[in-house]
Amino acid sequence: MMLDKARGLIVPSARSDVPAFIVMDVMAAAARIESRGGRVIHMEVGQPAASAPQTAISAARAALDRGDIGYTEALGIPALRARIARHYAEAHGVTV
């Protein structure tokens, strides 16, 4: 009975309802062609023209050196979540 009550409180995520972007279909088709030995010139998605910024590489190295590689909180880093919500409010006028 308690488990049934708990199930009623859980709202399934709608993320799975989002259709794949067409670029994913194009990439899958390209992979099939390549797997059969075909040659594909990939122009379906952008690739970074440069490597990661040195500041990001340094920050990642420092985090690894500190052993700071654990899991975040279940819902993510609170400060990051707050900043993303603020961005959506400022850029799109919506409350997240």
Protein backbone atom coordinates (compact mmCIF):
# COMPACT_ATOMS: atom_id res chain seq x y z
CA MET A 1 0.00 0.00 0.00
CA MET A 2 2.77 2.43 0.89
CA LEU A 3 4.65 1.52 -2.31
CA ASP A 4 1.54 2.19 -4.40
CA LYS A 5 1.13 5.56 -2.70
CA ALA A 6 4.78 6.39 -3.43
CA ARG A 7 4.38 5.42 -7.09
CA GLY A 8 1.54 7.91 -7.35
CA LEU A 9 3.92 10.68 -6.27
CA ILE A 10 6.47 9.96 -8.98
CA VAL A 11 6.00 11.90 -12.19
CA PRO A 12 7.83 10.32 -15.14
CA SER A 13 10.27 12.54 -17.01
CA ALA A 14 9.23 13.70 -20.46
CA ARG A 15 12.84 13.69 -21.71
CA SER A 16 12.28 10.44 -23.56
CA ASP A 17 9.45 12.06 -25.49
CA VAL A 18 11.83 14.49 -27.20
CA PRO A 19 12.51 13.33 -30.75
CA ALA A 20 16.12 12.87 -31.86
CA PHE A 21 17.57 15.78 -33.76
CA ILE A 22 17.89 15.13 -37.47
CA VAL A 23 21.66 15.48 -37.13
CA MET A 24 21.64 12.27 -35.08
CA ASP A 25 19.89 10.50 -37.96
CA VAL A 26 22.47 11.89 -40.39
CA MET A 27 25.33 10.76 -38.14
CA ALA A 28 23.81 7.28 -37.80
CA ALA A 29 23.46 7.01 -41.59
CA ALA A 30 27.07 8.14 -42.03
CA ALA A 31 28.24 5.53 -39.51
CA ARG A 32 26.38 2.81 -41.42
CA ILE A 33 28.03 3.89 -44.68
CA GLU A 34 31.46 3.92 -43.02
CA SER A 35 30.88 0.51 -41.42
CA ARG A 36 30.38 -0.90 -44.93
CA GLY A 37 33.68 0.63 -46.05
CA GLY A 38 32.19 3.76 -47.60
CA ARG A 39 33.86 7.13 -47.39
CA VAL A 40 32.02 9.99 -45.72
CA ILE A 41 33.00 13.63 -45.52
CA HIS A 42 31.48 14.75 -42.23
CA MET A 43 29.79 18.14 -42.48
CA GLU A 44 26.71 17.34 -40.39
CA VAL A 45 27.90 18.82 -37.10
CA GLY A 46 30.41 21.42 -36.12
CA GLN A 47 33.68 20.40 -34.55
CA PRO A 48 35.63 22.77 -32.35
CA ALA A 49 38.29 24.52 -34.38
CA ALA A 50 40.62 24.66 -31.39
CA SER A 51 41.41 22.57 -28.37
CA ALA A 52 39.85 23.27 -24.99
CA PRO A 53 40.81 26.63 -23.46
CA GLN A 54 43.96 26.47 -21.34
CA THR A 55 42.00 27.72 -18.32
CA ALA A 56 39.62 24.75 -18.59
CA ILE A 57 42.51 22.31 -19.00
CA SER A 58 44.29 23.83 -15.97
CA ALA A 59 41.13 23.68 -13.86
CA ALA A 60 40.53 20.05 -14.81
CA ARG A 61 44.15 19.15 -14.02
CA ALA A 62 43.96 20.91 -10.65
CA ALA A 63 40.71 19.09 -9.78
CA LEU A 64 42.29 15.75 -10.69
CA ASP A 65 45.42 16.57 -8.67
CA ARG A 66 43.24 17.40 -5.63
CA GLY A 67 41.31 14.17 -6.10
CA ASP A 68 38.21 16.29 -6.54
CA ILE A 69 36.46 13.82 -8.84
CA GLY A 70 33.54 12.59 -6.76
CA TYR A 71 29.87 12.63 -7.59
CA THR A 72 27.86 15.83 -7.39
CA GLU A 73 24.62 16.02 -5.45
CA ALA A 74 21.85 13.98 -7.05
CA LEU A 75 20.29 17.01 -8.72
CA GLY A 76 23.59 18.62 -9.65
CA ILE A 77 25.68 21.43 -8.22
CA PRO A 78 23.29 23.89 -6.55
CA ALA A 79 25.25 27.01 -7.58
CA LEU A 80 25.39 25.82 -11.20
CA ARG A 81 21.67 25.01 -11.19
CA ALA A 82 20.91 28.48 -9.81
CA ARG A 83 23.08 30.16 -12.44
CA ILE A 84 21.42 28.19 -15.26
CA ALA A 85 17.99 29.16 -13.92
CA ARG A 86 19.08 32.80 -13.77
CA HIS A 87 20.32 32.60 -17.38
CA TYR A 88 16.96 31.27 -18.56
CA ALA A 89 15.16 34.05 -16.66
CA GLU A 90 17.40 36.76 -18.11
CA ALA A 91 17.69 35.40 -21.66
CA HIS A 92 14.23 33.93 -22.17
CA GLY A 93 12.02 35.42 -19.47
CA VAL A 94 11.10 32.02 -18.05
CA THR A 95 11.33 30.61 -14.57
CA VAL A 96 13.10 27.29 -14.33
